Amino acid sequence: PFTVRTDGIPDLTARSFLFRARVRYEIRDGAGRMLFC
């Protein structure tokens, strides 16, 4: 899993996440291989 931080919501740890367009995000923690589509 990886942890995502974005403005206005608590950090979220998940195996998948849909990053919306034009919203600022940061992946805080994670290990291993990632797939970005």
PDB file of all heavy atoms in Angstrom:
ATOM      1  N   PRO A   1       0.839  -1.204   0.000  1.00  0.00           N
ATOM      2  CA  PRO A   1       0.000   0.000   0.000  1.00  0.00           C
ATOM      3  C   PRO A   1       0.876   1.256   0.000  1.00  0.00           C
ATOM      4  O   PRO A   1       2.079   1.198   0.254  1.00  0.00           O
ATOM      5  CB  PRO A   1      -0.789  -0.105   1.308  1.00  0.00           C
ATOM      6  CG  PRO A   1      -0.347  -1.313   2.010  1.00  0.00           C
ATOM      7  CD  PRO A   1       0.720  -1.978   1.205  1.00  0.00           C
ATOM      8  N   PHE A   2       0.259   2.386  -0.268  1.00  0.00           N
ATOM      9  CA  PHE A   2       0.946   3.670  -0.241  1.00  0.00           C
ATOM     10  C   PHE A   2       0.032   4.685   0.436  1.00  0.00           C
ATOM     11  O   PHE A   2      -1.174   4.485   0.525  1.00  0.00           O
ATOM     12  CB  PHE A   2       1.359   4.117  -1.644  1.00  0.00           C
ATOM     13  CG  PHE A   2       0.230   4.222  -2.629  1.00  0.00           C
ATOM     14  CD1 PHE A   2      -0.388   5.437  -2.878  1.00  0.00           C
ATOM     15  CD2 PHE A   2      -0.222   3.093  -3.311  1.00  0.00           C
ATOM     16  CE1 PHE A   2      -1.427   5.530  -3.796  1.00  0.00           C
ATOM     17  CE2 PHE A   2      -1.251   3.180  -4.229  1.00  0.00           C
ATOM     18  CZ  PHE A   2      -1.861   4.410  -4.464  1.00  0.00           C
ATOM     19  N   THR A   3       0.607   5.769   0.936  1.00  0.00           N
ATOM     20  CA  THR A   3      -0.149   6.798   1.649  1.00  0.00           C
ATOM     21  C   THR A   3      -0.186   8.063   0.814  1.00  0.00           C
ATOM     22  O   THR A   3       0.855   8.544   0.359  1.00  0.00           O
ATOM     23  CB  THR A   3       0.480   7.082   3.023  1.00  0.00           C
ATOM     24  OG1 THR A   3       0.507   5.863   3.772  1.00  0.00           O
ATOM     25  CG2 THR A   3      -0.316   8.119   3.790  1.00  0.00           C
ATOM     26  N   VAL A   4      -1.391   8.598   0.628  1.00  0.00           N
ATOM     27  CA  VAL A   4      -1.607   9.804  -0.182  1.00  0.00           C
ATOM     28  C   VAL A   4      -1.994  10.948   0.737  1.00  0.00           C
ATOM     29  O   VAL A   4      -2.827  10.786   1.632  1.00  0.00           O
ATOM     30  CB  VAL A   4      -2.732   9.573  -1.218  1.00  0.00           C
ATOM     31  CG1 VAL A   4      -3.003  10.841  -2.010  1.00  0.00           C
ATOM     32  CG2 VAL A   4      -2.373   8.432  -2.146  1.00  0.00           C
ATOM     33  N   ARG A   5      -1.414  12.107   0.504  1.00  0.00           N
ATOM     34  CA  ARG A   5      -1.778  13.326   1.230  1.00  0.00           C
ATOM     35  C   ARG A   5      -2.297  14.340   0.213  1.00  0.00           C
ATOM     36  O   ARG A   5      -1.705  14.541  -0.845  1.00  0.00           O
ATOM     37  CB  ARG A   5      -0.568  13.900   1.952  1.00  0.00           C
ATOM     38  CG  ARG A   5      -0.876  15.252   2.621  1.00  0.00           C
ATOM     39  CD  ARG A   5       0.254  15.705   3.487  1.00  0.00           C
ATOM     40  NE  ARG A   5       0.302  14.824   4.651  1.00  0.00           N
ATOM     41  CZ  ARG A   5       1.291  14.821   5.530  1.00  0.00           C
ATOM     42  NH1 ARG A   5       2.318  15.623   5.375  1.00  0.00           N
ATOM     43  NH2 ARG A   5       1.264  13.997   6.560  1.00  0.00           N
ATOM     44  N   THR A   6      -3.410  14.961   0.547  1.00  0.00           N
ATOM     45  CA  THR A   6      -3.969  16.039  -0.261  1.00  0.00           C
ATOM     46  C   THR A   6      -4.617  17.040   0.668  1.00  0.00           C
ATOM     47  O   THR A   6      -4.926  16.726   1.825  1.00  0.00           O
ATOM     48  CB  THR A   6      -4.967  15.510  -1.315  1.00  0.00           C
ATOM     49  OG1 THR A   6      -5.332  16.567  -2.186  1.00  0.00           O
ATOM     50  CG2 THR A   6      -6.200  14.933  -0.663  1.00  0.00           C
ATOM     51  N   ASP A   7      -4.812  18.250   0.189  1.00  0.00           N
ATOM     52  CA  ASP A   7      -5.399  19.296   1.017  1.00  0.00           C
ATOM     53  C   ASP A   7      -6.831  18.947   1.403  1.00  0.00           C
ATOM     54  O   ASP A   7      -7.609  18.462   0.587  1.00  0.00           O
ATOM     55  CB  ASP A   7      -5.393  20.629   0.264  1.00  0.00           C
ATOM     56  CG  ASP A   7      -3.975  21.109  -0.044  1.00  0.00           C
ATOM     57  OD1 ASP A   7      -3.051  20.761   0.711  1.00  0.00           O
ATOM     58  OD2 ASP A   7      -3.807  21.831  -1.037  1.00  0.00           O
ATOM     59  N   GLY A   8      -7.168  19.171   2.663  1.00  0.00           N
ATOM     60  CA  GLY A   8      -8.552  19.069   3.092  1.00  0.00           C
ATOM     61  C   GLY A   8      -9.031  17.705   3.549  1.00  0.00           C
ATOM     62  O   GLY A   8     -10.156  17.593   4.017  1.00  0.00           O
ATOM     63  N   ILE A   9      -8.213  16.654   3.395  1.00  0.00           N
ATOM     64  CA  ILE A   9      -8.635  15.336   3.888  1.00  0.00           C
ATOM     65  C   ILE A   9      -7.473  14.700   4.650  1.00  0.00           C
ATOM     66  O   ILE A   9      -6.309  15.006   4.381  1.00  0.00           O
ATOM     67  CB  ILE A   9      -9.116  14.397   2.755  1.00  0.00           C
ATOM     68  CG1 ILE A   9      -7.980  14.065   1.785  1.00  0.00           C
ATOM     69  CG2 ILE A   9     -10.308  14.968   2.012  1.00  0.00           C
ATOM     70  CD1 ILE A   9      -8.317  12.945   0.818  1.00  0.00           C
ATOM     71  N   PRO A  10      -7.772  13.805   5.597  1.00  0.00           N
ATOM     72  CA  PRO A  10      -6.681  13.112   6.300  1.00  0.00           C
ATOM     73  C   PRO A  10      -5.896  12.226   5.329  1.00  0.00           C
ATOM     74  O   PRO A  10      -6.416  11.810   4.297  1.00  0.00           O
ATOM     75  CB  PRO A  10      -7.414  12.252   7.333  1.00  0.00           C
ATOM     76  CG  PRO A  10      -8.805  12.786   7.418  1.00  0.00           C
ATOM     77  CD  PRO A  10      -9.092  13.451   6.102  1.00  0.00           C
ATOM     78  N   ASP A  11      -4.649  11.930   5.692  1.00  0.00           N
ATOM     79  CA  ASP A  11      -3.848  11.001   4.884  1.00  0.00           C
ATOM     80  C   ASP A  11      -4.610   9.691   4.723  1.00  0.00           C
ATOM     81  O   ASP A  11      -5.289   9.236   5.637  1.00  0.00           O
ATOM     82  CB  ASP A  11      -2.505  10.726   5.545  1.00  0.00           C
ATOM     83  CG  ASP A  11      -1.564  11.916   5.480  1.00  0.00           C
ATOM     84  OD1 ASP A  11      -1.963  12.973   4.965  1.00  0.00           O
ATOM     85  OD2 ASP A  11      -0.428  11.791   5.967  1.00  0.00           O
ATOM     86  N   LEU A  12      -4.489   9.084   3.547  1.00  0.00           N
ATOM     87  CA  LEU A  12      -5.195   7.848   3.232  1.00  0.00           C
ATOM     88  C   LEU A  12      -4.181   6.806   2.768  1.00  0.00           C
ATOM     89  O   LEU A  12      -3.375   7.085   1.869  1.00  0.00           O
ATOM     90  CB  LEU A  12      -6.217   8.104   2.119  1.00  0.00           C
ATOM     91  CG  LEU A  12      -6.966   6.895   1.584  1.00  0.00           C
ATOM     92  CD1 LEU A  12      -7.898   6.333   2.652  1.00  0.00           C
ATOM     93  CD2 LEU A  12      -7.758   7.271   0.357  1.00  0.00           C
ATOM     94  N   THR A  13      -4.223   5.629   3.372  1.00  0.00           N
ATOM     95  CA  THR A  13      -3.364   4.527   2.951  1.00  0.00           C
ATOM     96  C   THR A  13      -4.213   3.518   2.194  1.00  0.00           C
ATOM     97  O   THR A  13      -5.261   3.096   2.679  1.00  0.00           O
ATOM     98  CB  THR A  13      -2.687   3.857   4.163  1.00  0.00           C
ATOM     99  OG1 THR A  13      -1.889   4.842   4.833  1.00  0.00           O
ATOM    100  CG2 THR A  13      -1.798   2.703   3.728  1.00  0.00           C
ATOM    101  N   ALA A  14      -3.779   3.159   0.989  1.00  0.00           N
ATOM    102  CA  ALA A  14      -4.570   2.278   0.118  1.00  0.00           C
ATOM    103  C   ALA A  14      -3.652   1.551  -0.851  1.00  0.00           C
ATOM    104  O   ALA A  14      -2.476   1.891  -0.995  1.00  0.00           O
ATOM    105  CB  ALA A  14      -5.588   3.101  -0.658  1.00  0.00           C
ATOM    106  N   ARG A  15      -4.213   0.563  -1.542  1.00  0.00           N
ATOM    107  CA  ARG A  15      -3.482  -0.130  -2.618  1.00  0.00           C
ATOM    108  C   ARG A  15      -3.737   0.523  -3.964  1.00  0.00           C
ATOM    109  O   ARG A  15      -2.989   0.315  -4.917  1.00  0.00           O
ATOM    110  CB  ARG A  15      -3.890  -1.600  -2.696  1.00  0.00           C
ATOM    111  CG  ARG A  15      -3.405  -2.473  -1.562  1.00  0.00           C
ATOM    112  CD  ARG A  15      -1.896  -2.572  -1.475  1.00  0.00           C
ATOM    113  NE  ARG A  15      -1.266  -3.324  -2.506  1.00  0.00           N
ATOM    114  CZ  ARG A  15      -0.738  -4.523  -2.369  1.00  0.00           C
ATOM    115  NH1 ARG A  15      -0.771  -5.122  -1.206  1.00  0.00           N
ATOM    116  NH2 ARG A  15      -0.165  -5.120  -3.366  1.00  0.00           N
ATOM    117  N   SER A  16      -4.838   1.303  -4.072  1.00  0.00           N
ATOM    118  CA  SER A  16      -5.122   2.030  -5.319  1.00  0.00           C
ATOM    119  C   SER A  16      -5.780   3.359  -4.970  1.00  0.00           C
ATOM    120  O   SER A  16      -6.423   3.497  -3.932  1.00  0.00           O
ATOM    121  CB  SER A  16      -6.017   1.205  -6.243  1.00  0.00           C
ATOM    122  OG  SER A  16      -7.271   0.971  -5.646  1.00  0.00           O
ATOM    123  N   PHE A  17      -5.602   4.325  -5.866  1.00  0.00           N
ATOM    124  CA  PHE A  17      -6.133   5.662  -5.626  1.00  0.00           C
ATOM    125  C   PHE A  17      -6.314   6.342  -6.973  1.00  0.00           C
ATOM    126  O   PHE A  17      -5.437   6.259  -7.837  1.00  0.00           O
ATOM    127  CB  PHE A  17      -5.153   6.469  -4.763  1.00  0.00           C
ATOM    128  CG  PHE A  17      -5.696   7.782  -4.278  1.00  0.00           C
ATOM    129  CD1 PHE A  17      -6.442   7.838  -3.114  1.00  0.00           C
ATOM    130  CD2 PHE A  17      -5.459   8.947  -4.979  1.00  0.00           C
ATOM    131  CE1 PHE A  17      -6.937   9.047  -2.648  1.00  0.00           C
ATOM    132  CE2 PHE A  17      -5.947  10.161  -4.532  1.00  0.00           C
ATOM    133  CZ  PHE A  17      -6.694  10.209  -3.360  1.00  0.00           C
ATOM    134  N   LEU A  18      -7.458   7.012  -7.151  1.00  0.00           N
ATOM    135  CA  LEU A  18      -7.693   7.786  -8.367  1.00  0.00           C
ATOM    136  C   LEU A  18      -7.314   9.234  -8.088  1.00  0.00           C
ATOM    137  O   LEU A  18      -7.965   9.917  -7.301  1.00  0.00           O
ATOM    138  CB  LEU A  18      -9.150   7.698  -8.814  1.00  0.00           C
ATOM    139  CG  LEU A  18      -9.474   8.465 -10.092  1.00  0.00           C
ATOM    140  CD1 LEU A  18      -8.670   7.932 -11.271  1.00  0.00           C
ATOM    141  CD2 LEU A  18     -10.950   8.416 -10.391  1.00  0.00           C
ATOM    142  N   PHE A  19      -6.243   9.670  -8.708  1.00  0.00           N
ATOM    143  CA  PHE A  19      -5.783  11.041  -8.567  1.00  0.00           C
ATOM    144  C   PHE A  19      -6.572  11.900  -9.546  1.00  0.00           C
ATOM    145  O   PHE A  19      -6.462  11.717 -10.762  1.00  0.00           O
ATOM    146  CB  PHE A  19      -4.284  11.139  -8.882  1.00  0.00           C
ATOM    147  CG  PHE A  19      -3.420  10.345  -7.940  1.00  0.00           C
ATOM    148  CD1 PHE A  19      -3.137   9.013  -8.198  1.00  0.00           C
ATOM    149  CD2 PHE A  19      -2.910  10.928  -6.805  1.00  0.00           C
ATOM    150  CE1 PHE A  19      -2.346   8.275  -7.339  1.00  0.00           C
ATOM    151  CE2 PHE A  19      -2.114  10.199  -5.928  1.00  0.00           C
ATOM    152  CZ  PHE A  19      -1.837   8.875  -6.195  1.00  0.00           C
ATOM    153  N   ARG A  20      -7.373  12.800  -9.029  1.00  0.00           N
ATOM    154  CA  ARG A  20      -8.176  13.669  -9.901  1.00  0.00           C
ATOM    155  C   ARG A  20      -7.285  14.706 -10.583  1.00  0.00           C
ATOM    156  O   ARG A  20      -6.255  15.102 -10.049  1.00  0.00           O
ATOM    157  CB  ARG A  20      -9.258  14.363  -9.095  1.00  0.00           C
ATOM    158  CG  ARG A  20     -10.270  13.402  -8.543  1.00  0.00           C
ATOM    159  CD  ARG A  20     -11.406  14.082  -7.823  1.00  0.00           C
ATOM    160  NE  ARG A  20     -11.107  15.454  -7.469  1.00  0.00           N
ATOM    161  CZ  ARG A  20     -11.626  16.078  -6.442  1.00  0.00           C
ATOM    162  NH1 ARG A  20     -12.465  15.479  -5.644  1.00  0.00           N
ATOM    163  NH2 ARG A  20     -11.320  17.328  -6.190  1.00  0.00           N
ATOM    164  N   ALA A  21      -7.705  15.147 -11.725  1.00  0.00           N
ATOM    165  CA  ALA A  21      -6.976  16.177 -12.467  1.00  0.00           C
ATOM    166  C   ALA A  21      -7.002  17.494 -11.703  1.00  0.00           C
ATOM    167  O   ALA A  21      -7.989  17.832 -11.054  1.00  0.00           O
ATOM    168  CB  ALA A  21      -7.597  16.359 -13.849  1.00  0.00           C
ATOM    169  N   ARG A  22      -5.895  18.195 -11.754  1.00  0.00           N
ATOM    170  CA  ARG A  22      -5.749  19.543 -11.208  1.00  0.00           C
ATOM    171  C   ARG A  22      -5.971  19.636  -9.697  1.00  0.00           C
ATOM    172  O   ARG A  22      -6.338  20.675  -9.176  1.00  0.00           O
ATOM    173  CB  ARG A  22      -6.656  20.519 -11.948  1.00  0.00           C
ATOM    174  CG  ARG A  22      -6.285  20.682 -13.408  1.00  0.00           C
ATOM    175  CD  ARG A  22      -7.194  21.651 -14.146  1.00  0.00           C
ATOM    176  NE  ARG A  22      -6.785  21.808 -15.505  1.00  0.00           N
ATOM    177  CZ  ARG A  22      -7.137  21.007 -16.499  1.00  0.00           C
ATOM    178  NH1 ARG A  22      -7.885  19.963 -16.266  1.00  0.00           N
ATOM    179  NH2 ARG A  22      -6.726  21.231 -17.712  1.00  0.00           N
ATOM    180  N   VAL A  23      -5.745  18.547  -8.979  1.00  0.00           N
ATOM    181  CA  VAL A  23      -5.778  18.532  -7.516  1.00  0.00           C
ATOM    182  C   VAL A  23      -4.381  18.158  -7.045  1.00  0.00           C
ATOM    183  O   VAL A  23      -3.787  17.203  -7.555  1.00  0.00           O
ATOM    184  CB  VAL A  23      -6.822  17.529  -6.977  1.00  0.00           C
ATOM    185  CG1 VAL A  23      -6.760  17.429  -5.462  1.00  0.00           C
ATOM    186  CG2 VAL A  23      -8.227  17.921  -7.435  1.00  0.00           C
ATOM    187  N   ARG A  24      -3.849  18.897  -6.089  1.00  0.00           N
ATOM    188  CA  ARG A  24      -2.483  18.664  -5.621  1.00  0.00           C
ATOM    189  C   ARG A  24      -2.439  17.486  -4.644  1.00  0.00           C
ATOM    190  O   ARG A  24      -3.192  17.456  -3.680  1.00  0.00           O
ATOM    191  CB  ARG A  24      -1.953  19.921  -4.947  1.00  0.00           C
ATOM    192  CG  ARG A  24      -0.464  19.910  -4.778  1.00  0.00           C
ATOM    193  CD  ARG A  24      -0.009  21.268  -4.398  1.00  0.00           C
ATOM    194  NE  ARG A  24      -0.017  21.345  -2.948  1.00  0.00           N
ATOM    195  CZ  ARG A  24       0.801  22.118  -2.264  1.00  0.00           C
ATOM    196  NH1 ARG A  24       1.638  22.910  -2.886  1.00  0.00           N
ATOM    197  NH2 ARG A  24       0.757  22.131  -0.956  1.00  0.00           N
ATOM    198  N   TYR A  25      -1.554  16.540  -4.923  1.00  0.00           N
ATOM    199  CA  TYR A  25      -1.366  15.342  -4.112  1.00  0.00           C
ATOM    200  C   TYR A  25       0.110  15.146  -3.824  1.00  0.00           C
ATOM    201  O   TYR A  25       0.969  15.651  -4.533  1.00  0.00           O
ATOM    202  CB  TYR A  25      -1.837  14.083  -4.868  1.00  0.00           C
ATOM    203  CG  TYR A  25      -3.285  14.062  -5.215  1.00  0.00           C
ATOM    204  CD1 TYR A  25      -3.730  14.496  -6.454  1.00  0.00           C
ATOM    205  CD2 TYR A  25      -4.215  13.590  -4.308  1.00  0.00           C
ATOM    206  CE1 TYR A  25      -5.064  14.458  -6.783  1.00  0.00           C
ATOM    207  CE2 TYR A  25      -5.556  13.553  -4.622  1.00  0.00           C
ATOM    208  CZ  TYR A  25      -5.984  13.977  -5.857  1.00  0.00           C
ATOM    209  OH  TYR A  25      -7.308  13.942  -6.171  1.00  0.00           O
ATOM    210  N   GLU A  26       0.363  14.319  -2.813  1.00  0.00           N
ATOM    211  CA  GLU A  26       1.721  13.849  -2.554  1.00  0.00           C
ATOM    212  C   GLU A  26       1.625  12.425  -2.019  1.00  0.00           C
ATOM    213  O   GLU A  26       0.808  12.146  -1.136  1.00  0.00           O
ATOM    214  CB  GLU A  26       2.429  14.717  -1.529  1.00  0.00           C
ATOM    215  CG  GLU A  26       3.842  14.279  -1.250  1.00  0.00           C
ATOM    216  CD  GLU A  26       4.562  15.175  -0.257  1.00  0.00           C
ATOM    217  OE1 GLU A  26       3.927  16.022   0.383  1.00  0.00           O
ATOM    218  OE2 GLU A  26       5.787  14.998  -0.124  1.00  0.00           O
ATOM    219  N   ILE A  27       2.431  11.528  -2.570  1.00  0.00           N
ATOM    220  CA  ILE A  27       2.516  10.170  -2.033  1.00  0.00           C
ATOM    221  C   ILE A  27       3.578  10.201  -0.945  1.00  0.00           C
ATOM    222  O   ILE A  27       4.748  10.462  -1.221  1.00  0.00           O
ATOM    223  CB  ILE A  27       2.849   9.140  -3.125  1.00  0.00           C
ATOM    224  CG1 ILE A  27       1.742   9.134  -4.180  1.00  0.00           C
ATOM    225  CG2 ILE A  27       3.014   7.752  -2.501  1.00  0.00           C
ATOM    226  CD1 ILE A  27       1.993   8.184  -5.328  1.00  0.00           C
ATOM    227  N   ARG A  28       3.152   9.975   0.294  1.00  0.00           N
ATOM    228  CA  ARG A  28       4.024  10.111   1.455  1.00  0.00           C
ATOM    229  C   ARG A  28       4.827   8.857   1.750  1.00  0.00           C
ATOM    230  O   ARG A  28       5.971   8.945   2.139  1.00  0.00           O
ATOM    231  CB  ARG A  28       3.194  10.496   2.684  1.00  0.00           C
ATOM    232  CG  ARG A  28       2.399  11.769   2.512  1.00  0.00           C
ATOM    233  CD  ARG A  28       3.261  12.975   2.469  1.00  0.00           C
ATOM    234  NE  ARG A  28       3.915  13.099   3.765  1.00  0.00           N
ATOM    235  CZ  ARG A  28       4.888  13.929   4.036  1.00  0.00           C
ATOM    236  NH1 ARG A  28       5.339  14.716   3.114  1.00  0.00           N
ATOM    237  NH2 ARG A  28       5.422  13.982   5.219  1.00  0.00           N
ATOM    238  N   ASP A  29       4.209   7.712   1.652  1.00  0.00           N
ATOM    239  CA  ASP A  29       4.878   6.447   1.958  1.00  0.00           C
ATOM    240  C   ASP A  29       4.508   5.431   0.907  1.00  0.00           C
ATOM    241  O   ASP A  29       3.400   5.452   0.375  1.00  0.00           O
ATOM    242  CB  ASP A  29       4.433   5.899   3.326  1.00  0.00           C
ATOM    243  CG  ASP A  29       4.923   6.745   4.475  1.00  0.00           C
ATOM    244  OD1 ASP A  29       6.116   7.094   4.470  1.00  0.00           O
ATOM    245  OD2 ASP A  29       4.116   7.049   5.367  1.00  0.00           O
ATOM    246  N   GLY A  30       5.392   4.519   0.663  1.00  0.00           N
ATOM    247  CA  GLY A  30       5.134   3.437  -0.276  1.00  0.00           C
ATOM    248  C   GLY A  30       6.430   2.696  -0.545  1.00  0.00           C
ATOM    249  O   GLY A  30       7.514   3.230  -0.322  1.00  0.00           O
ATOM    250  N   ALA A  31       6.299   1.471  -0.987  1.00  0.00           N
ATOM    251  CA  ALA A  31       7.480   0.659  -1.277  1.00  0.00           C
ATOM    252  C   ALA A  31       7.164  -0.253  -2.449  1.00  0.00           C
ATOM    253  O   ALA A  31       6.006  -0.562  -2.716  1.00  0.00           O
ATOM    254  CB  ALA A  31       7.863  -0.172  -0.055  1.00  0.00           C
ATOM    255  N   GLY A  32       8.188  -0.665  -3.131  1.00  0.00           N
ATOM    256  CA  GLY A  32       7.996  -1.599  -4.231  1.00  0.00           C
ATOM    257  C   GLY A  32       7.532  -0.920  -5.504  1.00  0.00           C
ATOM    258  O   GLY A  32       7.671   0.285  -5.688  1.00  0.00           O
ATOM    259  N   ARG A  33       6.946  -1.733  -6.364  1.00  0.00           N
ATOM    260  CA  ARG A  33       6.546  -1.250  -7.691  1.00  0.00           C
ATOM    261  C   ARG A  33       5.201  -0.532  -7.640  1.00  0.00           C
ATOM    262  O   ARG A  33       4.299  -0.922  -6.909  1.00  0.00           O
ATOM    263  CB  ARG A  33       6.434  -2.415  -8.664  1.00  0.00           C
ATOM    264  CG  ARG A  33       7.753  -3.118  -8.918  1.00  0.00           C
ATOM    265  CD  ARG A  33       7.556  -4.393  -9.687  1.00  0.00           C
ATOM    266  NE  ARG A  33       6.643  -5.253  -8.922  1.00  0.00           N
ATOM    267  CZ  ARG A  33       5.777  -6.092  -9.475  1.00  0.00           C
ATOM    268  NH1 ARG A  33       5.717  -6.234 -10.779  1.00  0.00           N
ATOM    269  NH2 ARG A  33       4.984  -6.837  -8.726  1.00  0.00           N
ATOM    270  N   MET A  34       5.111   0.512  -8.452  1.00  0.00           N
ATOM    271  CA  MET A  34       3.872   1.277  -8.617  1.00  0.00           C
ATOM    272  C   MET A  34       3.459   1.222 -10.088  1.00  0.00           C
ATOM    273  O   MET A  34       4.311   1.172 -10.976  1.00  0.00           O
ATOM    274  CB  MET A  34       4.083   2.737  -8.221  1.00  0.00           C
ATOM    275  CG  MET A  34       4.398   2.956  -6.756  1.00  0.00           C
ATOM    276  SD  MET A  34       2.996   2.690  -5.657  1.00  0.00           S
ATOM    277  CE  MET A  34       1.854   3.942  -6.198  1.00  0.00           C
ATOM    278  N   LEU A  35       2.161   1.228 -10.313  1.00  0.00           N
ATOM    279  CA  LEU A  35       1.604   1.348 -11.653  1.00  0.00           C
ATOM    280  C   LEU A  35       0.781   2.619 -11.681  1.00  0.00           C
ATOM    281  O   LEU A  35      -0.081   2.823 -10.827  1.00  0.00           O
ATOM    282  CB  LEU A  35       0.718   0.144 -11.981  1.00  0.00           C
ATOM    283  CG  LEU A  35      -0.034   0.207 -13.313  1.00  0.00           C
ATOM    284  CD1 LEU A  35       0.946   0.173 -14.489  1.00  0.00           C
ATOM    285  CD2 LEU A  35      -1.031  -0.937 -13.413  1.00  0.00           C
ATOM    286  N   PHE A  36       1.086   3.509 -12.623  1.00  0.00           N
ATOM    287  CA  PHE A  36       0.316   4.732 -12.813  1.00  0.00           C
ATOM    288  C   PHE A  36      -0.277   4.703 -14.212  1.00  0.00           C
ATOM    289  O   PHE A  36       0.444   4.501 -15.198  1.00  0.00           O
ATOM    290  CB  PHE A  36       1.196   5.973 -12.632  1.00  0.00           C
ATOM    291  CG  PHE A  36       1.647   6.171 -11.215  1.00  0.00           C
ATOM    292  CD1 PHE A  36       2.928   5.829 -10.832  1.00  0.00           C
ATOM    293  CD2 PHE A  36       0.786   6.691 -10.261  1.00  0.00           C
ATOM    294  CE1 PHE A  36       3.361   5.998  -9.530  1.00  0.00           C
ATOM    295  CE2 PHE A  36       1.191   6.867  -8.950  1.00  0.00           C
ATOM    296  CZ  PHE A  36       2.486   6.520  -8.584  1.00  0.00           C
ATOM    297  N   CYS A  37      -1.589   4.878 -14.299  1.00  0.00           N
ATOM    298  CA  CYS A  37      -2.329   4.841 -15.559  1.00  0.00           C
ATOM    299  C   CYS A  37      -2.930   6.223 -15.812  1.00  0.00           C
ATOM    300  O   CYS A  37      -3.794   6.670 -15.042  1.00  0.00           O
ATOM    301  CB  CYS A  37      -3.450   3.807 -15.493  1.00  0.00           C
ATOM    302  SG  CYS A  37      -2.915   2.182 -14.937  1.00  0.00           S
TER     303      CYS A  37
END
